[in-house]
Amino acid sequence: MKKVVLAGGSGFLGQALSRSLSSDGYEVVVLGRSPAPRGAIGRFVIWDGQKLEEWKTELEGADALLNLTGRSVDCRYTEENRELILNSRVDSTRVLGQAIKDCVDPPKVWLNSSTATIYKDRRGDLEPHDESSDDFGMGFSVGVAQAWEKAFGESAIDGVRKVALRVSIVLGRDGGAFPVMRRFAKLGLGGAQGPGSQWMSWLHIDDWVGVARFLMENQSVDGAVNLAAPNPVTNASFMREMRKRFAPMGIGLPAPSLFVRIGAFFMRTAPELVLKSRKVVSATLAESSYSFKYPDLAQAIRNLAA
């Protein structure tokens, strides 16, 4: 039986991948800070994401390790939350690197989460960023992404292929941004958010699972990979598709940038999650012939609305 270890695998993305792997006969081990929630998939092993303890033996002989650990960015960026967001990502990456170095039979591949937010804000008709882009942005979120990837790069282990997953917004019924935006649309608040011209790179949850498994198995791919569908859209276009499926009579009030900032304050979240422009695609996946199940937004939302 093949074995995959998912650090931080109790959340939305980890459980979607666990479900797919388990159905195909993989042994799935989830490293988590608490026991398995009811209905969770995988054998849960306690870790704190900081110290080398007994959990490290789970890496021996594993076919793959995926690190999905990280405090949610859906919060106010207070000083305390900034520290938690940064340290949860950097500390877990470093301790996993230490654990792999101690392995007699280390995982064949280590996939470590990162974020497509690392790239500079891109607007208008400029070409999207791909993996060859080196014009990174500025600010807190970009700094976190760079520190995260730096910690990942510090661990060079012979025989272990390494892939940094620059993940864009993942759309699924069970978590992430989609249920929130669906609720807005159903309440008649599904108009453009902010200027509406900001780009959104996105990925259907089925393609998150598909790309993760593709990268686990494709031995020719390493380094940073953008996890994004090939057709980014503007926020105005995204919300238009949401209104078609969910809004009463297809009507949705827009939310100017000021209202987004005020709303974010009361929802205890960060306005940049909505207002930043992310225009990202993956040249690596295209060149490696990954076939997206949902390359177009309308198709993806139609599936999620079913």
Protein backbone atom coordinates (compact mmCIF):
# COMPACT_ATOMS: atom_id res chain seq x y z
CA MET A 1 0.00 0.00 0.00
CA LYS A 2 1.33 3.44 -0.95
CA LYS A 3 1.57 5.96 1.87
CA VAL A 4 1.05 9.73 1.73
CA VAL A 5 1.61 12.05 4.70
CA LEU A 6 -0.44 15.26 4.80
CA ALA A 7 0.84 17.79 7.31
CA GLY A 8 -2.06 20.11 8.12
CA GLY A 9 -4.39 17.82 6.19
CA SER A 10 -7.50 18.31 8.31
CA GLY A 11 -8.81 21.32 6.38
CA PHE A 12 -10.75 21.93 3.18
CA LEU A 13 -7.92 21.15 0.75
CA GLY A 14 -6.34 18.35 2.75
CA GLN A 15 -9.56 16.44 3.24
CA ALA A 16 -10.49 16.69 -0.46
CA LEU A 17 -7.12 15.16 -1.32
CA SER A 18 -7.40 12.57 1.48
CA ARG A 19 -10.76 11.44 0.13
CA SER A 20 -9.35 10.93 -3.36
CA LEU A 21 -6.22 9.11 -2.19
CA SER A 22 -8.09 6.87 0.26
CA SER A 23 -10.59 5.85 -2.41
CA ASP A 24 -7.66 4.66 -4.52
CA GLY A 25 -6.20 2.56 -1.75
CA TYR A 26 -3.51 4.88 -0.37
CA GLU A 27 -2.69 4.94 3.31
CA VAL A 28 -3.21 8.58 4.32
CA VAL A 29 -1.57 9.92 7.47
CA VAL A 30 -2.66 13.37 8.63
CA LEU A 31 -0.36 15.35 10.91
CA GLY A 32 -2.63 17.62 12.92
CA ARG A 33 -2.68 19.64 16.13
CA SER A 34 -5.81 17.89 17.43
CA PRO A 35 -7.47 14.47 17.14
CA ALA A 36 -9.48 13.65 14.03
CA PRO A 37 -12.77 15.57 13.73
CA ARG A 38 -15.86 13.48 13.22
CA GLY A 39 -15.99 12.12 9.69
CA ALA A 40 -12.40 13.10 8.84
CA ILE A 41 -10.48 10.87 6.46
CA GLY A 42 -7.00 9.58 7.25
CA ARG A 43 -5.10 8.28 10.26
CA PHE A 44 -4.45 11.30 12.46
CA VAL A 45 -1.14 11.74 14.26
CA ILE A 46 -0.63 14.64 16.67
CA TRP A 47 2.10 17.19 16.00
CA ASP A 48 2.63 20.85 16.88
CA GLY A 49 4.32 21.91 13.63
CA GLN A 50 7.38 23.09 15.53
CA LYS A 51 9.24 20.30 17.31
CA LEU A 52 10.71 16.97 16.23
CA GLU A 53 8.75 14.28 18.06
CA GLU A 54 7.45 10.75 17.44
CA TRP A 55 5.44 11.92 14.41
CA LYS A 56 8.65 12.04 12.37
CA THR A 57 8.66 8.22 12.07
CA GLU A 58 5.57 8.50 9.86
CA LEU A 59 7.75 9.94 7.08
CA GLU A 60 9.82 6.75 6.78
CA GLY A 61 9.03 5.00 3.52
CA ALA A 62 6.31 7.46 2.50
CA ASP A 63 5.71 7.89 -1.20
CA ALA A 64 4.88 11.57 -0.75
CA LEU A 65 4.74 14.32 1.86
CA LEU A 66 2.47 17.33 1.38
CA ASN A 67 2.68 20.25 3.77
CA LEU A 68 -0.57 22.22 3.87
CA THR A 69 0.04 23.75 7.30
CA GLY A 70 -0.73 27.42 7.87
CA ARG A 71 -2.93 29.64 9.97
CA SER A 72 -5.83 30.91 7.84
CA VAL A 73 -5.30 34.31 6.21
CA ASP A 74 -9.04 34.99 6.51
CA CYS A 75 -8.58 37.25 9.53
CA ARG A 76 -7.65 40.79 10.47
CA TYR A 77 -3.95 41.35 10.00
CA THR A 78 -3.25 42.29 13.60
CA GLU A 79 0.31 41.95 14.89
CA GLU A 80 -0.61 38.71 16.67
CA ASN A 81 -2.29 37.23 13.59
CA ARG A 82 0.61 38.26 11.35
CA GLU A 83 2.99 36.34 13.60
CA LEU A 84 0.73 33.28 13.60
CA ILE A 85 0.33 33.36 9.81
CA LEU A 86 4.07 33.64 9.20
CA ASN A 87 5.37 31.32 11.92
CA SER A 88 2.87 28.52 11.27
CA ARG A 89 4.14 28.29 7.69
CA VAL A 90 7.86 28.79 8.23
CA ASP A 91 8.18 26.67 11.39
CA SER A 92 6.30 23.69 9.96
CA THR A 93 8.36 23.77 6.77
CA ARG A 94 11.65 23.88 8.66
CA VAL A 95 10.79 21.08 11.07
CA LEU A 96 9.62 18.85 8.22
CA GLY A 97 12.94 19.49 6.48
CA GLN A 98 14.77 18.42 9.64
CA ALA A 99 12.63 15.29 9.93
CA ILE A 100 13.28 14.29 6.31
CA LYS A 101 17.04 14.68 6.79
CA ASP A 102 16.81 12.22 9.70
CA CYS A 103 14.95 9.61 7.64
CA VAL A 104 16.62 6.37 6.62
CA ASP A 105 14.03 6.00 3.84
CA PRO A 106 12.73 9.56 3.16
CA PRO A 107 9.63 10.45 1.13
CA LYS A 108 10.19 10.34 -2.62
CA VAL A 109 8.62 13.76 -3.12
CA TRP A 110 7.88 16.72 -0.85
CA LEU A 111 5.17 19.14 -1.97
CA ASN A 112 5.01 22.28 0.16
CA SER A 113 2.23 24.85 0.00
CA SER A 114 2.92 28.41 -1.07
CA THR A 115 0.65 31.02 -2.62
CA ALA A 116 0.04 32.72 -5.97
CA THR A 117 -0.16 35.96 -3.97
CA ILE A 118 3.64 36.07 -4.20
CA TYR A 119 3.43 37.84 -7.58
CA LYS A 120 3.12 41.57 -8.12
CA ASP A 121 -0.39 42.99 -8.45
CA ARG A 122 -1.20 42.79 -12.19
CA ARG A 123 -4.08 44.65 -13.86
CA GLY A 124 -5.42 45.48 -17.29
CA ASP A 125 -4.44 43.53 -20.40
CA LEU A 126 -0.93 42.62 -19.28
CA GLU A 127 0.01 38.97 -19.75
CA PRO A 128 -0.53 36.82 -16.65
CA HIS A 129 2.31 35.73 -14.43
CA ASP A 130 3.66 32.22 -14.91
CA GLU A 131 6.50 30.33 -13.25
CA SER A 132 9.11 32.30 -15.21
CA SER A 133 7.93 35.59 -13.64
CA ASP A 134 10.29 37.08 -11.09
CA ASP A 135 8.52 40.38 -10.44
CA PHE A 136 7.22 39.64 -6.97
CA GLY A 137 5.04 42.07 -5.12
CA MET A 138 5.45 43.92 -1.83
CA GLY A 139 3.67 43.90 1.50
CA PHE A 140 2.85 41.46 4.26
CA SER A 141 1.35 38.60 2.20
CA VAL A 142 4.21 38.65 -0.30
CA GLY A 143 6.74 38.68 2.52
CA VAL A 144 5.09 35.63 4.06
CA ALA A 145 5.18 33.79 0.72
CA GLN A 146 8.85 34.58 0.21
CA ALA A 147 9.80 33.53 3.75
CA TRP A 148 7.78 30.32 3.30
CA GLU A 149 9.56 29.41 0.06
CA LYS A 150 12.95 30.40 1.52
CA ALA A 151 12.44 27.97 4.40
CA PHE A 152 11.45 25.29 1.90
CA GLY A 153 14.52 25.96 -0.22
CA GLU A 154 16.87 25.66 2.75
CA SER A 155 16.31 21.90 2.93
CA ALA A 156 18.18 20.18 0.11
CA ILE A 157 17.86 16.41 0.54
CA ASP A 158 19.39 13.93 -1.89
CA GLY A 159 16.80 11.80 -3.64
CA VAL A 160 13.82 13.92 -2.54
CA ARG A 161 12.05 15.84 -5.30
CA LYS A 162 10.63 19.15 -4.08
CA VAL A 163 7.72 21.19 -5.45
CA ALA A 164 6.42 24.52 -4.11
CA LEU A 165 2.67 24.79 -4.69
CA ARG A 166 1.74 28.40 -5.47
CA VAL A 167 -1.97 27.91 -4.90
CA SER A 168 -4.59 30.35 -6.16
CA ILE A 169 -8.20 30.64 -4.89
CA VAL A 170 -9.67 27.13 -4.75
CA LEU A 171 -13.41 26.90 -5.42
CA GLY A 172 -15.35 24.17 -3.64
CA ARG A 173 -18.65 23.70 -1.83
CA ASP A 174 -17.10 22.71 1.50
CA GLY A 175 -14.76 25.59 2.27
CA GLY A 176 -12.67 28.50 1.06
CA ALA A 177 -14.06 31.59 -0.66
CA PHE A 178 -16.84 30.02 -2.72
CA PRO A 179 -19.49 29.49 0.01
CA VAL A 180 -19.00 33.10 1.18
CA MET A 181 -19.41 34.54 -2.32
CA ARG A 182 -22.40 32.28 -2.96
CA ARG A 183 -24.05 33.62 0.20
CA PHE A 184 -23.43 37.20 -0.91
CA ALA A 185 -24.99 36.46 -4.29
CA LYS A 186 -28.05 34.83 -2.72
CA LEU A 187 -28.53 37.92 -0.54
CA GLY A 188 -28.49 40.19 -3.58
CA LEU A 189 -24.96 41.43 -2.85
CA GLY A 190 -23.30 39.73 -5.81
CA GLY A 191 -22.17 42.81 -7.71
CA ALA A 192 -18.57 43.67 -8.50
CA GLN A 193 -16.37 44.06 -5.44
CA GLY A 194 -14.16 47.14 -5.35
CA PRO A 195 -13.35 48.33 -8.89
CA GLY A 196 -14.23 44.91 -10.33
CA SER A 197 -11.25 45.15 -12.66
CA GLN A 198 -8.95 43.21 -10.34
CA TRP A 199 -8.06 39.77 -11.69
CA MET A 200 -8.91 36.52 -9.95
CA SER A 201 -6.91 33.37 -10.55
CA TRP A 202 -8.88 30.36 -9.40
CA LEU A 203 -8.94 26.55 -9.38
CA HIS A 204 -11.83 24.10 -9.03
CA ILE A 205 -11.45 21.76 -6.04
CA ASP A 206 -11.37 18.74 -8.37
CA ASP A 207 -8.42 20.26 -10.20
CA TRP A 208 -6.69 21.00 -6.88
CA VAL A 209 -6.86 17.27 -6.21
CA GLY A 210 -5.93 16.44 -9.80
CA VAL A 211 -2.91 18.77 -9.91
CA ALA A 212 -1.66 17.67 -6.48
CA ARG A 213 -1.78 14.03 -7.53
CA PHE A 214 -0.27 14.83 -10.92
CA LEU A 215 2.68 16.55 -9.26
CA MET A 216 3.10 13.69 -6.80
CA GLU A 217 3.45 11.22 -9.65
CA ASN A 218 5.19 13.27 -12.39
CA GLN A 219 8.87 12.87 -11.59
CA SER A 220 9.97 15.42 -14.21
CA VAL A 221 8.48 18.40 -12.35
CA ASP A 222 10.17 20.23 -9.51
CA GLY A 223 10.54 23.80 -8.25
CA ALA A 224 7.66 26.29 -8.03
CA VAL A 225 4.38 25.49 -9.79
CA ASN A 226 1.36 27.79 -10.08
CA LEU A 227 -1.88 26.01 -9.22
CA ALA A 228 -4.38 28.03 -11.25
CA ALA A 229 -6.86 27.36 -14.03
CA PRO A 230 -5.69 28.56 -17.46
CA ASN A 231 -8.35 31.29 -17.71
CA PRO A 232 -8.23 33.96 -14.98
CA VAL A 233 -11.17 36.38 -14.88
CA THR A 234 -11.84 39.82 -13.48
CA ASN A 235 -13.79 40.14 -10.27
CA ALA A 236 -16.69 41.68 -12.22
CA SER A 237 -16.81 38.62 -14.50
CA PHE A 238 -16.56 36.25 -11.56
CA MET A 239 -19.45 37.90 -9.73
CA ARG A 240 -21.50 38.00 -12.94
CA GLU A 241 -21.25 34.20 -13.16
CA MET A 242 -22.20 33.91 -9.48
CA ARG A 243 -25.27 36.07 -10.04
CA LYS A 244 -26.38 33.91 -12.96
CA ARG A 245 -26.47 30.86 -10.70
CA PHE A 246 -27.42 32.18 -7.29
CA ALA A 247 -28.77 35.76 -7.24
CA PRO A 248 -32.49 36.55 -7.01
CA MET A 249 -33.49 37.52 -10.57
CA GLY A 250 -29.78 37.78 -11.36
CA ILE A 251 -29.50 41.08 -9.48
CA GLY A 252 -26.56 41.97 -7.28
CA LEU A 253 -25.54 45.24 -5.65
CA PRO A 254 -21.89 46.25 -6.15
CA ALA A 255 -19.55 46.91 -3.24
CA PRO A 256 -17.22 49.90 -3.82
CA SER A 257 -13.74 49.62 -2.35
CA LEU A 258 -14.66 51.72 0.70
CA PHE A 259 -17.57 49.40 1.48
CA VAL A 260 -15.30 46.36 1.02
CA ARG A 261 -12.89 47.81 3.59
CA ILE A 262 -15.67 48.60 6.04
CA GLY A 263 -17.24 45.16 5.52
CA ALA A 264 -13.89 43.44 5.99
CA PHE A 265 -13.47 45.21 9.33
CA PHE A 266 -16.79 43.92 10.64
CA MET A 267 -16.22 40.44 9.17
CA ARG A 268 -12.81 40.37 10.86
CA THR A 269 -10.94 39.72 7.63
CA ALA A 270 -8.44 41.49 5.35
CA PRO A 271 -9.73 43.61 2.41
CA GLU A 272 -6.74 42.65 0.24
CA LEU A 273 -8.21 39.15 -0.09
CA VAL A 274 -10.83 40.75 -2.36
CA LEU A 275 -9.11 43.85 -3.72
CA LYS A 276 -5.71 42.51 -4.79
CA SER A 277 -5.37 41.63 -8.49
CA ARG A 278 -4.02 38.11 -9.09
CA LYS A 279 -3.50 37.21 -12.74
CA VAL A 280 -1.64 33.90 -12.72
CA VAL A 281 -1.43 30.82 -14.95
CA SER A 282 0.85 27.78 -15.07
CA ALA A 283 3.26 27.29 -17.94
CA THR A 284 4.65 24.23 -16.14
CA LEU A 285 1.32 22.40 -16.09
CA ALA A 286 0.68 23.30 -19.72
CA GLU A 287 4.09 22.04 -20.80
CA SER A 288 3.61 18.87 -18.73
CA SER A 289 0.25 18.22 -20.44
CA TYR A 290 -1.93 18.36 -17.35
CA SER A 291 -5.55 18.34 -18.55
CA PHE A 292 -7.81 20.60 -16.47
CA LYS A 293 -11.22 19.17 -15.67
CA TYR A 294 -12.60 22.72 -15.28
CA PRO A 295 -10.57 25.20 -17.35
CA ASP A 296 -13.39 27.77 -17.62
CA LEU A 297 -15.13 29.57 -14.78
CA ALA A 298 -18.69 29.17 -16.08
CA GLN A 299 -18.21 25.43 -16.28
CA ALA A 300 -16.72 25.31 -12.78
CA ILE A 301 -19.52 27.30 -11.15
CA ARG A 302 -22.16 25.29 -13.02
CA ASN A 303 -20.69 22.15 -11.46
CA LEU A 304 -20.54 23.66 -7.98
CA ALA A 305 -24.15 24.87 -8.27
CA ALA A 306 -25.43 21.43 -9.18
